[in-house]
Amino acid sequence: MKKKNSTPKKRGATQRRDDAGRKNLIQFRVEKPALSHGVTSLLATGELPEVTGALEVDKAVEEIIAGFVSDLGGPETITAAQRVILSGLRLSLRVQGLGEIHLKAAGVMNKKTHKPTAILKVLATFINSARLSALALGLGRVARKAGPNSFSEYVELIGNKAPEPPAGAQP
């Protein structure tokens, strides 16, 4: 009884296959690339494609950045390092805004694969980047006073409240 090999036998390339591969590669390079992706389009034409809603996103992002600058004490107090962080934050917010427009138009699920669209991972990356940038600027969440900070404050708070009688107790 012969044992079958687990790996198939590799066939060597013939001259005919080499010539066909070379011909296909040359033909591929000659054809104009499909300009379906914005980055490819920018590289090929040097012009940004018009995106519906991009101006509104840009305006909203500039308002958010202006609010951050105000929170940091105004433009005169912004350091060079903070300007760099704000620039990256501006880019992250723009990507998020444009991604939101795309998701509203195309939906969250890929119609062909019935899986979440790949842009969700990209957006998650930019959202996290924006969050980290805001933290680096000191614009993190501000805790509100939820209760007493010390035991003495707690005792004072409890002492000021009249205890409730237990259920069924007589006054």
Protein backbone atom coordinates (compact mmCIF):
# COMPACT_ATOMS: atom_id res chain seq x y z
CA MET A 1 0.00 0.00 0.00
CA LYS A 2 1.45 3.31 -1.10
CA LYS A 3 1.32 6.32 1.22
CA LYS A 4 0.04 9.52 -0.37
CA ASN A 5 2.18 12.61 -0.10
CA SER A 6 0.54 15.34 1.94
CA THR A 7 1.95 18.06 -0.28
CA PRO A 8 1.20 18.11 -3.97
CA LYS A 9 4.05 17.81 -6.44
CA LYS A 10 5.17 21.22 -7.67
CA ARG A 11 5.36 21.70 -11.38
CA GLY A 12 8.17 23.80 -12.71
CA ALA A 13 7.41 26.83 -14.80
CA THR A 14 7.72 26.27 -18.51
CA GLN A 15 8.96 28.82 -21.01
CA ARG A 16 5.39 29.27 -22.24
CA ARG A 17 4.15 30.07 -18.70
CA ASP A 18 7.03 32.50 -18.14
CA ASP A 19 6.22 34.31 -21.41
CA ALA A 20 2.49 34.49 -20.56
CA GLY A 21 3.23 35.89 -17.09
CA ARG A 22 5.59 38.50 -18.53
CA LYS A 23 3.01 39.50 -21.15
CA ASN A 24 0.27 39.85 -18.51
CA LEU A 25 2.49 41.98 -16.28
CA ILE A 26 3.44 44.32 -19.14
CA GLN A 27 -0.21 44.61 -20.22
CA PHE A 28 -1.28 45.33 -16.62
CA ARG A 29 1.28 48.14 -16.27
CA VAL A 30 0.19 49.78 -19.52
CA GLU A 31 -3.49 49.97 -18.61
CA LYS A 32 -4.70 53.01 -16.67
CA PRO A 33 -5.41 52.14 -13.02
CA ALA A 34 -8.97 52.21 -11.76
CA LEU A 35 -9.53 55.44 -9.86
CA SER A 36 -12.05 54.05 -7.40
CA HIS A 37 -10.07 54.89 -4.27
CA GLY A 38 -9.55 58.48 -3.14
CA VAL A 39 -5.83 58.06 -2.46
CA THR A 40 -5.25 56.43 -5.87
CA SER A 41 -7.24 59.21 -7.48
CA LEU A 42 -5.20 61.87 -5.69
CA LEU A 43 -1.92 60.28 -6.74
CA ALA A 44 -3.03 59.85 -10.36
CA THR A 45 -4.68 63.24 -10.92
CA GLY A 46 -3.30 65.46 -8.18
CA GLU A 47 -6.84 66.56 -7.35
CA LEU A 48 -9.04 65.60 -4.44
CA PRO A 49 -12.41 64.16 -5.43
CA GLU A 50 -15.51 66.00 -4.24
CA VAL A 51 -17.11 64.26 -1.29
CA THR A 52 -20.67 65.13 -0.40
CA GLY A 53 -20.77 66.57 3.11
CA ALA A 54 -17.00 67.12 3.37
CA LEU A 55 -17.36 70.88 3.80
CA GLU A 56 -19.83 70.41 6.66
CA VAL A 57 -17.47 67.92 8.32
CA ASP A 58 -14.58 70.36 7.96
CA LYS A 59 -16.63 73.19 9.48
CA ALA A 60 -17.72 71.00 12.43
CA VAL A 61 -14.15 69.84 13.03
CA GLU A 62 -12.84 73.41 13.04
CA GLU A 63 -15.52 74.33 15.62
CA ILE A 64 -14.45 71.40 17.81
CA ILE A 65 -10.76 72.34 17.50
CA ALA A 66 -11.60 75.98 18.33
CA GLY A 67 -13.38 74.70 21.45
CA PHE A 68 -10.32 72.67 22.42
CA VAL A 69 -8.08 75.72 21.92
CA SER A 70 -10.44 77.74 24.11
CA ASP A 71 -10.39 75.02 26.78
CA LEU A 72 -6.58 75.14 26.73
CA GLY A 73 -6.55 78.89 27.43
CA GLY A 74 -6.71 80.42 23.95
CA PRO A 75 -4.38 80.53 20.94
CA GLU A 76 -1.72 82.56 22.72
CA THR A 77 -1.17 79.85 25.33
CA ILE A 78 -0.88 76.91 22.91
CA THR A 79 2.62 75.44 22.76
CA ALA A 80 4.24 74.02 19.61
CA ALA A 81 3.76 70.48 20.92
CA GLN A 82 0.06 71.16 21.52
CA ARG A 83 -0.25 72.50 17.96
CA VAL A 84 1.15 69.23 16.62
CA ILE A 85 -1.29 67.22 18.73
CA LEU A 86 -4.19 69.45 17.62
CA SER A 87 -3.17 68.93 13.98
CA GLY A 88 -3.32 65.15 14.41
CA LEU A 89 -6.60 65.48 16.29
CA ARG A 90 -8.01 67.57 13.45
CA LEU A 91 -7.12 64.83 10.95
CA SER A 92 -8.64 62.11 13.16
CA LEU A 93 -11.88 64.07 13.54
CA ARG A 94 -12.10 64.65 9.78
CA VAL A 95 -11.65 60.95 9.05
CA GLN A 96 -14.33 60.15 11.63
CA GLY A 97 -16.75 62.64 10.08
CA LEU A 98 -16.20 61.38 6.55
CA GLY A 99 -16.44 57.78 7.77
CA GLU A 100 -19.77 58.59 9.39
CA ILE A 101 -21.06 59.99 6.09
CA HIS A 102 -19.94 56.81 4.33
CA LEU A 103 -21.58 54.57 6.94
CA LYS A 104 -24.85 56.50 6.66
CA ALA A 105 -24.82 56.05 2.89
CA ALA A 106 -23.51 52.48 2.59
CA GLY A 107 -24.55 50.98 5.91
CA VAL A 108 -22.58 49.18 8.56
CA MET A 109 -22.79 45.74 6.96
CA ASN A 110 -21.12 44.73 3.71
CA LYS A 111 -23.93 43.66 1.38
CA LYS A 112 -21.80 41.00 -0.36
CA THR A 113 -20.17 39.32 2.61
CA HIS A 114 -22.84 40.09 5.25
CA LYS A 115 -20.06 41.07 7.65
CA PRO A 116 -19.34 44.46 9.23
CA THR A 117 -17.74 46.80 6.73
CA ALA A 118 -13.96 47.17 6.91
CA ILE A 119 -14.18 50.91 7.50
CA LEU A 120 -15.34 50.22 11.07
CA LYS A 121 -11.84 49.06 12.01
CA VAL A 122 -10.32 52.14 10.42
CA LEU A 123 -12.74 54.39 12.27
CA ALA A 124 -12.07 52.63 15.57
CA THR A 125 -8.36 53.36 15.10
CA PHE A 126 -8.97 57.05 14.41
CA ILE A 127 -11.46 57.34 17.29
CA ASN A 128 -8.90 55.88 19.67
CA SER A 129 -6.23 58.18 18.27
CA ALA A 130 -8.48 61.21 18.88
CA ARG A 131 -9.19 60.05 22.42
CA LEU A 132 -5.49 59.65 23.17
CA SER A 133 -4.73 63.05 21.64
CA ALA A 134 -7.38 64.69 23.81
CA LEU A 135 -5.90 62.98 26.87
CA ALA A 136 -2.41 64.17 25.90
CA LEU A 137 -3.76 67.72 25.75
CA GLY A 138 -5.28 67.32 29.20
CA LEU A 139 -8.81 67.34 27.83
CA GLY A 140 -9.85 64.03 29.36
CA ARG A 141 -13.03 63.40 31.25
CA VAL A 142 -13.51 65.59 34.28
CA ALA A 143 -14.92 63.69 37.23
CA ARG A 144 -17.88 65.32 38.90
CA LYS A 145 -18.27 65.17 42.62
CA ALA A 146 -20.37 62.07 43.07
CA GLY A 147 -20.21 61.77 46.81
CA PRO A 148 -18.09 62.38 49.89
CA ASN A 149 -14.33 62.22 49.39
CA SER A 150 -13.43 61.24 52.92
CA PHE A 151 -14.85 59.26 55.79
CA SER A 152 -15.43 62.43 57.83
CA GLU A 153 -17.49 63.93 54.98
CA TYR A 154 -19.46 60.68 54.83
CA VAL A 155 -20.15 60.71 58.59
CA GLU A 156 -21.21 64.36 58.39
CA LEU A 157 -23.52 63.61 55.46
CA ILE A 158 -25.09 60.64 57.23
CA GLY A 159 -25.36 62.56 60.52
CA ASN A 160 -27.40 65.29 58.85
CA LYS A 161 -29.98 62.80 57.61
CA ALA A 162 -32.62 61.46 59.98
CA PRO A 163 -32.57 57.66 60.03
CA GLU A 164 -35.60 55.98 58.55
CA PRO A 165 -37.49 53.68 60.90
CA PRO A 166 -37.43 50.01 59.93
CA ALA A 167 -40.49 48.68 58.14
CA GLY A 168 -43.23 47.72 60.57
CA ALA A 169 -41.68 49.66 63.51
CA GLN A 170 -43.94 51.77 65.70
CA PRO A 171 -43.17 55.50 65.98
